[in-house]
Protein backbone atom coordinates (compact mmCIF):
# COMPACT_ATOMS: atom_id res chain seq x y z
CA UNK A 1 -20.54 20.58 6.94
CA UNK A 2 -20.65 16.54 7.41
CA UNK A 3 -19.33 16.77 11.02
CA UNK A 4 -20.06 20.13 12.45
CA UNK A 5 -21.34 20.54 15.90
CA UNK A 6 -18.45 18.38 17.56
CA UNK A 7 -15.62 20.16 19.22
CA UNK A 8 -11.88 19.24 18.93
CA UNK A 9 -9.38 18.33 21.55
CA UNK A 10 -5.93 19.42 22.11
CA UNK A 11 -4.68 15.73 21.42
CA UNK A 12 -6.76 15.57 18.04
CA UNK A 13 -9.63 13.62 19.04
CA UNK A 14 -13.23 14.44 19.46
CA UNK A 15 -14.76 15.49 22.76
CA UNK A 16 -17.99 13.89 21.97
CA UNK A 17 -19.61 12.52 25.16
CA UNK A 18 -19.37 8.93 26.32
CA UNK A 19 -21.40 7.59 28.80
CA UNK A 20 -19.91 6.20 32.25
CA UNK A 21 -20.81 3.34 34.60
CA UNK A 22 -22.59 5.87 36.87
CA UNK A 23 -24.56 7.19 33.84
CA UNK A 24 -22.33 10.40 33.65
CA UNK A 25 -21.26 11.65 30.41
CA UNK A 26 -17.57 12.61 30.11
CA UNK A 27 -15.33 13.06 27.25
CA UNK A 28 -12.78 10.40 26.11
CA UNK A 29 -9.92 12.74 26.86
CA UNK A 30 -10.95 12.61 30.66
CA UNK A 31 -11.44 8.75 30.42
CA UNK A 32 -7.74 8.50 29.24
CA UNK A 33 -5.79 8.24 32.53
CA UNK A 34 -5.84 4.13 32.99
CA UNK A 35 -7.72 3.19 29.72
CA UNK A 36 -6.48 0.49 27.59
CA UNK A 37 -6.15 1.96 24.22
CA UNK A 38 -8.25 0.32 21.31
CA UNK A 39 -6.65 1.12 17.69
CA UNK A 40 -8.64 0.10 14.82
CA UNK A 41 -6.58 -0.20 11.80
CA UNK A 42 -8.25 0.14 8.03
CA UNK A 43 -6.56 -1.18 4.60
CA UNK A 44 -6.67 -3.37 1.87
CA UNK A 45 -5.42 -6.02 3.72
CA UNK A 46 -5.32 -9.91 3.41
CA UNK A 47 -5.97 -10.75 -0.25
CA UNK A 48 -2.32 -11.31 -1.57
CA UNK A 49 -1.24 -7.92 -2.12
CA UNK A 50 2.68 -8.28 -0.41
CA UNK A 51 2.95 -4.52 -0.15
CA UNK A 52 -0.23 -3.83 1.32
CA UNK A 53 0.23 -6.60 4.22
CA UNK A 54 3.81 -5.57 4.86
CA UNK A 55 2.39 -2.23 5.48
CA UNK A 56 0.04 -3.65 8.23
CA UNK A 57 3.00 -5.81 9.63
CA UNK A 58 5.46 -2.70 10.04
CA UNK A 59 2.79 -0.56 11.46
CA UNK A 60 1.46 -3.64 14.09
CA UNK A 61 5.01 -4.59 15.15
CA UNK A 62 5.74 -0.58 15.98
CA UNK A 63 2.50 -0.23 17.61
CA UNK A 64 2.94 -3.14 19.83
CA UNK A 65 6.38 -1.81 21.04
CA UNK A 66 5.01 1.57 21.59
CA UNK A 67 1.76 0.80 23.43
CA UNK A 68 2.44 -2.66 24.97
CA UNK A 69 -1.02 -2.55 26.63
CA UNK A 70 -3.04 -1.61 23.80
CA UNK A 71 -5.60 -3.96 21.61
CA UNK A 72 -6.09 -3.94 18.18
CA UNK A 73 -8.90 -4.64 15.42
CA UNK A 74 -7.81 -4.59 11.93
CA UNK A 75 -10.59 -3.80 9.21
CA UNK A 76 -9.56 -5.83 6.31
CA UNK A 77 -10.62 -7.11 2.89
CA UNK A 78 -10.09 -10.66 3.81
CA UNK A 79 -9.96 -10.91 7.51
CA UNK A 80 -9.07 -14.57 7.91
CA UNK A 81 -5.28 -14.33 6.34
CA UNK A 82 -4.89 -11.35 8.47
CA UNK A 83 -6.16 -13.05 11.76
CA UNK A 84 -3.73 -16.19 10.70
CA UNK A 85 -0.85 -13.82 9.99
CA UNK A 86 -0.77 -11.39 13.05
CA UNK A 87 -2.69 -13.02 15.66
CA UNK A 88 -4.98 -10.00 15.79
CA UNK A 89 -8.97 -9.35 15.38
CA UNK A 90 -10.09 -8.44 12.29
CA UNK A 91 -13.38 -7.86 10.67
CA UNK A 92 -14.20 -7.67 6.90
CA UNK A 93 -14.54 -4.04 5.33
CA UNK A 94 -17.69 -5.14 4.07
CA UNK A 95 -19.44 -7.83 5.94
CA UNK A 96 -21.72 -10.46 3.98
CA UNK A 97 -25.30 -11.36 4.85
CA UNK A 98 -25.54 -14.49 6.79
CA UNK A 99 -29.55 -14.26 6.78
CA UNK A 100 -31.69 -14.36 3.75
CA UNK A 101 -34.04 -11.29 3.65
CA UNK A 102 -37.71 -11.68 2.55
CA UNK A 103 -38.13 -8.09 1.81
CA UNK A 104 -38.03 -6.67 -1.96
CA UNK A 105 -34.40 -6.71 -3.25
CA UNK A 106 -34.13 -3.03 -3.32
CA UNK A 107 -35.28 -2.18 0.23
CA UNK A 108 -33.46 -5.52 1.83
CA UNK A 109 -30.19 -3.71 -0.03
CA UNK A 110 -30.79 -0.59 2.08
CA UNK A 111 -31.40 -2.46 5.01
CA UNK A 112 -28.23 -4.34 4.85
CA UNK A 113 -26.24 -1.37 4.21
CA UNK A 114 -27.89 0.58 7.37
CA UNK A 115 -26.77 -2.77 9.32
CA UNK A 116 -23.31 -2.76 8.01
CA UNK A 117 -23.08 1.16 9.48
CA UNK A 118 -24.25 0.18 12.54
CA UNK A 119 -21.57 -3.05 12.79
CA UNK A 120 -19.05 -0.33 11.63
CA UNK A 121 -20.33 2.15 14.62
CA UNK A 122 -19.93 -0.95 17.13
CA UNK A 123 -16.36 -1.81 16.16
CA UNK A 124 -15.66 1.43 16.81
CA UNK A 125 -17.58 2.70 19.47
CA UNK A 126 -14.66 1.70 22.09
CA UNK A 127 -11.79 2.94 19.91
CA UNK A 128 -9.57 5.64 20.39
CA UNK A 129 -8.50 5.85 16.90
CA UNK A 130 -9.30 4.80 13.37
CA UNK A 131 -5.61 4.62 11.92
CA UNK A 132 -5.67 4.12 8.20
CA UNK A 133 -1.45 3.02 7.64
CA UNK A 134 -0.04 3.32 4.44
CA UNK A 135 -0.77 1.99 1.18
CA UNK A 136 -2.21 3.75 -2.01
CA UNK A 137 -5.64 4.14 0.21
CA UNK A 138 -6.66 7.53 -1.65
CA UNK A 139 -6.80 6.11 -5.37
CA UNK A 140 -9.56 4.13 -7.28
CA UNK A 141 -7.22 1.56 -9.09
CA UNK A 142 -9.17 -1.19 -10.13
CA UNK A 143 -12.10 -0.14 -7.86
CA UNK A 144 -15.45 0.88 -8.63
CA UNK A 145 -16.81 3.83 -6.37
CA UNK A 146 -18.81 1.27 -3.91
CA UNK A 147 -15.79 -1.34 -3.85
CA UNK A 148 -13.70 0.83 -1.88
CA UNK A 149 -13.88 5.09 -2.00
CA UNK A 150 -17.53 4.30 -0.30
CA UNK A 151 -16.36 1.67 2.00
CA UNK A 152 -13.59 3.87 3.49
CA UNK A 153 -15.93 6.76 3.67
CA UNK A 154 -18.39 4.97 5.89
CA UNK A 155 -15.75 3.95 8.21
CA UNK A 156 -14.19 7.26 8.41
CA UNK A 157 -17.70 8.64 9.06
CA UNK A 158 -18.59 6.12 11.52
CA UNK A 159 -15.50 6.85 13.65
CA UNK A 160 -16.36 10.54 13.68
CA UNK A 161 -19.73 9.79 14.58
CA UNK A 162 -18.59 7.48 17.64
CA UNK A 163 -16.16 10.19 18.92
CA UNK A 164 -12.90 8.45 17.78
CA UNK A 165 -9.83 10.36 15.83
CA UNK A 166 -8.83 9.20 12.33
CA UNK A 167 -5.59 9.48 11.11
CA UNK A 168 -4.10 8.87 7.72
CA UNK A 169 -0.53 7.83 8.22
CA UNK A 170 2.19 7.66 5.47
CA UNK A 171 -0.41 7.06 2.78
CA UNK A 172 -0.41 7.16 -1.07
CA UNK A 173 -2.87 9.42 -3.14
CA UNK A 174 -3.66 9.47 -6.70
CA UNK A 175 -4.68 9.38 -9.19
CA UNK A 176 -8.69 8.94 -8.93
CA UNK A 177 -10.53 8.78 -12.34
CA UNK A 178 -14.19 8.65 -11.22
CA UNK A 179 -15.92 11.88 -9.86
CA UNK A 180 -17.64 10.13 -7.09
CA UNK A 181 -14.44 8.52 -5.96
CA UNK A 182 -13.10 11.73 -5.71
CA UNK A 183 -15.65 12.89 -3.55
CA UNK A 184 -16.02 10.12 -1.49
CA UNK A 185 -12.10 10.47 -1.03
CA UNK A 186 -12.12 14.19 -0.31
CA UNK A 187 -14.91 13.45 2.72
CA UNK A 188 -12.68 10.44 4.09
CA UNK A 189 -9.42 12.65 4.39
CA UNK A 190 -11.28 15.69 5.54
CA UNK A 191 -12.49 13.51 8.60
CA UNK A 192 -8.87 12.77 9.88
CA UNK A 193 -6.89 15.08 12.31
CA UNK A 194 -3.63 13.95 11.28
CA UNK A 195 -2.68 13.13 7.77
CA UNK A 196 0.79 12.22 6.09
CA UNK A 197 1.85 11.01 2.70
CA UNK A 198 4.54 8.43 1.54
CA UNK A 199 5.61 11.35 -1.01
CA UNK A 200 5.39 14.83 -2.13
CA UNK A 201 3.00 13.79 -5.20
CA UNK A 202 0.38 12.34 -3.04
CA UNK A 203 0.64 15.71 -1.04
CA UNK A 204 -0.08 17.64 -3.94
CA UNK A 205 -2.74 15.46 -4.99
CA UNK A 206 -4.95 15.90 -1.91
CA UNK A 207 -4.28 19.44 -2.00
CA UNK A 208 -4.89 20.20 -5.82
CA UNK A 209 -7.41 17.33 -6.64
CA UNK A 210 -9.38 16.97 -3.44
CA UNK A 211 -9.10 20.44 -2.57
CA UNK A 212 -8.15 20.25 1.13
CA UNK A 213 -5.41 22.44 3.00
CA UNK A 214 -2.37 20.42 3.66
CA UNK A 215 -0.49 23.12 5.36
CA UNK A 216 -0.02 20.99 8.42
CA UNK A 217 0.32 17.80 6.92
CA UNK A 218 3.79 16.14 6.43
CA UNK A 219 5.52 14.18 3.84
CA UNK A 220 7.28 10.71 5.29
CA UNK A 221 8.87 7.58 3.95
CA UNK A 222 6.41 4.48 2.84
CA UNK A 223 5.98 2.51 6.21
CA UNK A 224 7.57 -0.59 4.11
CA UNK A 225 10.99 0.51 4.74
CA UNK A 226 10.34 0.28 8.28
CA UNK A 227 10.33 -3.31 7.68
CA UNK A 228 12.96 -5.70 9.24
CA UNK A 229 14.58 -7.90 6.54
CA UNK A 230 17.84 -9.62 6.07
CA UNK A 231 19.50 -7.62 3.57
CA UNK A 232 21.93 -9.54 1.29
CA UNK A 233 25.22 -8.41 0.14
CA UNK A 234 25.45 -7.67 -3.49
CA UNK A 235 28.13 -9.85 -5.03
CA UNK A 236 30.95 -8.99 -6.84
CA UNK A 237 31.47 -8.86 -10.56
CA UNK A 238 29.11 -7.89 -13.28
CA UNK A 239 25.39 -8.38 -13.60
CA UNK A 240 24.84 -11.87 -14.08
CA UNK A 241 21.00 -12.50 -12.68
CA UNK A 242 18.35 -9.80 -13.28
CA UNK A 243 14.88 -9.68 -11.69
CA UNK A 244 12.15 -9.07 -13.56
CA UNK A 245 8.91 -7.75 -11.61
CA UNK A 246 5.88 -8.88 -13.84
CA UNK A 247 2.69 -7.15 -13.17
CA UNK A 248 -0.80 -8.55 -14.92
CA UNK A 249 -1.52 -4.60 -15.74
CA UNK A 250 -4.37 -4.16 -18.48
CA UNK A 251 -6.39 -0.62 -17.48
CA UNK A 252 -6.27 1.81 -14.66
CA UNK A 253 -9.56 0.41 -14.15
CA UNK A 254 -8.52 -3.11 -14.49
CA UNK A 255 -10.60 -3.85 -17.26
CA UNK A 256 -9.52 -6.53 -19.64
CA UNK A 257 -10.03 -6.90 -23.32
CA UNK A 258 -10.78 -3.11 -23.52
CA UNK A 259 -9.98 -1.03 -26.57
CA UNK A 260 -7.03 0.94 -23.91
CA UNK A 261 -5.86 -2.57 -22.48
CA UNK A 262 -2.02 -2.14 -22.56
CA UNK A 263 -1.13 -5.38 -21.57
CA UNK A 264 -0.36 -7.15 -25.07
CA UNK A 265 1.93 -4.42 -26.05
CA UNK A 266 3.54 -4.28 -22.66
CA UNK A 267 3.70 -8.14 -22.59
CA UNK A 268 5.03 -8.24 -25.96
CA UNK A 269 8.10 -5.70 -25.20
CA UNK A 270 8.89 -7.17 -22.16
CA UNK A 271 9.49 -10.44 -23.60
CA UNK A 272 11.32 -9.04 -26.64
CA UNK A 273 13.73 -7.43 -23.74
CA UNK A 274 14.15 -10.51 -21.56
CA UNK A 275 14.82 -12.60 -24.80
CA UNK A 276 17.68 -10.39 -25.47
CA UNK A 277 18.91 -10.62 -21.92
CA UNK A 278 18.88 -14.63 -22.31
CA UNK A 279 20.81 -14.58 -25.46
CA UNK A 280 23.28 -12.31 -23.76
CA UNK A 281 23.95 -15.35 -21.17
CA UNK A 282 21.89 -13.43 -18.24
CA UNK A 283 19.75 -15.41 -16.14
CA UNK A 284 16.21 -14.21 -15.16
CA UNK A 285 14.57 -14.69 -11.86
CA UNK A 286 10.66 -13.48 -12.23
CA UNK A 287 9.20 -11.78 -9.36
CA UNK A 288 5.46 -10.77 -8.35
CA UNK A 289 4.27 -8.62 -5.82
CA UNK A 290 0.75 -9.69 -5.63
CA UNK A 291 -1.11 -13.35 -6.03
CA UNK A 292 -2.79 -11.63 -8.91
CA UNK A 293 0.25 -11.13 -11.08
CA UNK A 294 0.82 -14.95 -11.29
CA UNK A 295 -0.77 -15.44 -14.96
CA UNK A 296 1.17 -12.75 -16.17
CA UNK A 297 4.87 -14.43 -14.80
CA UNK A 298 3.19 -17.72 -16.33
CA UNK A 299 2.31 -15.80 -19.92
CA UNK A 300 5.88 -14.36 -19.82
CA UNK A 301 7.64 -17.38 -19.15
CA UNK A 302 5.81 -19.27 -21.56
CA UNK A 303 6.81 -16.71 -24.16
CA UNK A 304 10.45 -17.22 -23.38
CA UNK A 305 10.56 -20.64 -23.71
CA UNK A 306 8.56 -20.11 -26.97
CA UNK A 307 11.28 -18.13 -28.33
CA UNK A 308 14.40 -19.37 -26.87
CA UNK A 309 14.10 -23.06 -25.60
CA UNK A 310 17.64 -23.44 -25.17
CA UNK A 311 17.70 -21.02 -22.53
CA UNK A 312 14.83 -22.57 -20.24
CA UNK A 313 17.21 -23.56 -17.21
CA UNK A 314 18.20 -20.08 -17.22
CA UNK A 315 14.41 -18.69 -16.02
CA UNK A 316 13.37 -19.25 -12.77
CA UNK A 317 10.34 -18.16 -10.99
CA UNK A 318 10.46 -17.13 -7.28
CA UNK A 319 8.21 -18.38 -4.82
CA UNK A 320 6.77 -15.38 -3.07
CA UNK A 321 3.83 -15.16 -0.22
CA UNK A 322 5.02 -11.94 1.60
CA UNK A 323 7.35 -9.02 1.17
CA UNK A 324 10.24 -10.90 3.48
CA UNK A 325 9.85 -13.57 0.72
CA UNK A 326 10.19 -11.12 -2.32
CA UNK A 327 13.29 -9.27 -0.38
CA UNK A 328 14.96 -12.71 -0.11
CA UNK A 329 14.36 -13.41 -3.82
CA UNK A 330 15.67 -9.90 -5.09
CA UNK A 331 18.76 -11.06 -3.04
CA UNK A 332 19.27 -13.51 -5.79
CA UNK A 333 19.59 -10.89 -8.09
CA UNK A 334 22.31 -8.33 -9.31
CA UNK A 335 19.67 -5.74 -11.04
CA UNK A 336 15.94 -5.53 -11.10
CA UNK A 337 13.42 -4.45 -13.83
CA UNK A 338 9.88 -4.28 -12.56
CA UNK A 339 6.47 -2.47 -12.59
CA UNK A 340 4.53 -3.24 -9.64
CA UNK A 341 5.28 -0.45 -7.13
CA UNK A 342 6.20 -2.43 -4.04
CA UNK A 343 8.54 -4.39 -6.19
CA UNK A 344 10.57 -1.32 -6.69
CA UNK A 345 10.21 -0.45 -3.05
CA UNK A 346 11.81 -4.12 -2.30
CA UNK A 347 14.75 -3.53 -4.86
CA UNK A 348 15.64 -0.29 -2.67
CA UNK A 349 15.25 -1.78 0.17
CA UNK A 350 17.71 -4.46 -0.73
CA UNK A 351 20.14 -2.09 -2.48
CA UNK A 352 19.42 -3.30 -5.90
CA UNK A 353 19.75 -0.97 -8.58
CA UNK A 354 16.24 -1.02 -10.66
CA UNK A 355 14.66 0.22 -13.80
CA UNK A 356 11.02 1.14 -13.26
CA UNK A 357 8.31 0.36 -15.95
CA UNK A 358 5.91 2.09 -13.92
CA UNK A 359 1.92 2.93 -13.69
CA UNK A 360 1.67 5.43 -11.58
CA UNK A 361 3.72 8.59 -10.18
CA UNK A 362 4.40 6.76 -6.86
CA UNK A 363 7.03 4.85 -9.11
CA UNK A 364 8.88 7.76 -9.96
CA UNK A 365 8.65 9.41 -6.60
CA UNK A 366 10.26 6.34 -4.81
CA UNK A 367 13.01 6.20 -7.71
CA UNK A 368 13.81 9.92 -7.22
CA UNK A 369 14.38 9.37 -3.50
CA UNK A 370 17.06 7.16 -4.32
CA UNK A 371 18.60 8.91 -7.07
CA UNK A 372 17.09 6.73 -10.04
CA UNK A 373 14.87 9.13 -11.53
CA UNK A 374 16.58 8.78 -15.01
CA UNK A 375 15.80 4.79 -14.92
CA UNK A 376 11.75 5.58 -15.12
CA UNK A 377 9.61 4.79 -17.78
CA UNK A 378 5.64 4.23 -18.01
CA UNK A 379 4.06 1.05 -18.67
CA UNK A 380 1.40 2.43 -21.38
CA UNK A 381 4.29 3.71 -23.61
CA UNK A 382 7.61 2.57 -22.79
CA UNK A 383 10.50 2.58 -25.61
CA UNK A 384 12.25 -0.75 -25.97
CA UNK A 385 15.30 1.13 -27.21
CA UNK A 386 15.44 3.46 -24.22
CA UNK A 387 14.96 0.38 -21.79
CA UNK A 388 18.18 -1.00 -23.54
CA UNK A 389 20.07 2.09 -22.65
CA UNK A 390 18.96 2.51 -19.31
CA UNK A 391 19.89 -1.24 -18.69
CA UNK A 392 23.17 -1.00 -20.13
CA UNK A 393 24.27 2.29 -18.08
CA UNK A 394 22.98 0.98 -14.99
CA UNK A 395 24.52 -2.28 -15.19
CA UNK A 396 28.32 -0.35 -15.74
CA UNK A 397 27.34 1.44 -12.29
CA UNK A 398 25.53 -0.67 -10.32
CA UNK A 399 28.09 -1.48 -7.26
CA UNK A 400 28.51 2.29 -6.72
CA UNK A 401 24.39 2.75 -6.81
CA UNK A 402 23.57 -0.10 -4.51
CA UNK A 403 25.99 1.42 -1.83
CA UNK A 404 24.77 4.56 -1.96
CA UNK A 405 21.08 2.88 -1.67
CA UNK A 406 21.50 0.76 1.46
CA UNK A 407 22.36 4.22 3.05
CA UNK A 408 19.08 6.17 1.94
CA UNK A 409 17.20 2.96 2.91
CA UNK A 410 18.62 2.97 6.43
CA UNK A 411 17.63 6.64 6.79
CA UNK A 412 14.34 6.02 5.77
CA UNK A 413 14.00 3.13 8.02
CA UNK A 414 14.75 5.64 10.94
CA UNK A 415 12.28 7.90 9.91
CA UNK A 416 9.49 5.73 9.86
CA UNK A 417 9.97 4.56 13.37
CA UNK A 418 10.50 8.12 14.28
CA UNK A 419 6.82 8.96 12.52
CA UNK A 420 4.95 6.25 14.12
CA UNK A 421 6.27 7.02 17.49
CA UNK A 422 5.14 10.55 17.05
CA UNK A 423 1.61 9.54 15.63
CA UNK A 424 1.44 7.12 19.00
CA UNK A 425 2.51 10.01 21.29
CA UNK A 426 -0.24 12.11 20.22
CA UNK A 427 -2.73 9.45 20.47
CA UNK A 428 -4.02 10.10 24.19
CA UNK A 429 -2.68 12.50 26.82
CA UNK A 430 0.02 11.07 29.20
């Protein structure tokens, strides 16, 4: 096995030897008394995905309260925005070369990757834990094998090599299309001494598709439910403003203009539906969950203006940089129809009944948690007539649904905080 030959402590970390100042090798457990914890967090942060960035915020805020003496390092896709937003040291998942190499290109690439492994071990050498918080970290959406699955395996392997524990906390898993991505995800997840999932579907994926024993793994809420937001009250009366969460979705692998590109069909149906709402006198508030969705918003708005120019004033575009911004904008609506997962999660947090036009099992899972499973369709084959019926049914009962949703959201928030507290309690002996 990849990590054979090292023993685990009862606290879930490897008792690999660490050299003390006197030249004596002691275990990390023995060094824990009086030790300042160093926690390294890994994730696809900083590139404009509001859900991923909110996951990091919730985790950092909780850990700083639970371990006020700890120091943190974030391994991120884009370190700059992470450092600016959270005032924390951040390093790149895959650092770029700063010096020109005079070696032949294949050899230079091998040497540079060896350097990256060494850099990862250097970051982790003083760490007690590599913590992977939330997000769909075990899927290959819009990612090649080397872009995400390999990078995560590298960091998890490096953590084990230097004796740091690995914890996957409330993560999402699946689907994974590429065989090598599946292998690398299996090896990464197998390196963890703690695994918890944001839904049962993710747990089953790790069991059935990655082939790991999940008997000790648990299902907990998505960490974003722990976010502190001022939830706006739902206004009285019938539905007047509908939030439309638009996603620039083409294929699972992200290929545009491919034979299986669903975007043209998806956008045409969505434009038809939105035009009907406008002609009924309703207002539309266009929402995004990632900066990369802006082209789709512009596309939908242009289609609506061409079809129904007299209703231009009834179509507004929300300005969104963070998930808190998204929640504020959702608070201006009465209902939401959305595709991106964290648009749906934000609607649940805000107590806004929603219809999901989803692209993965995670959408349906969170909708089911809030009693809205009958208001789900898939982006590849959603039916416009069904969408109309779903909208009419939900609109007539949206106040009653909203009340129940707020109760569920409050319960999930408490569970998130309890779970993060339990994870930190297991980090080191007291």
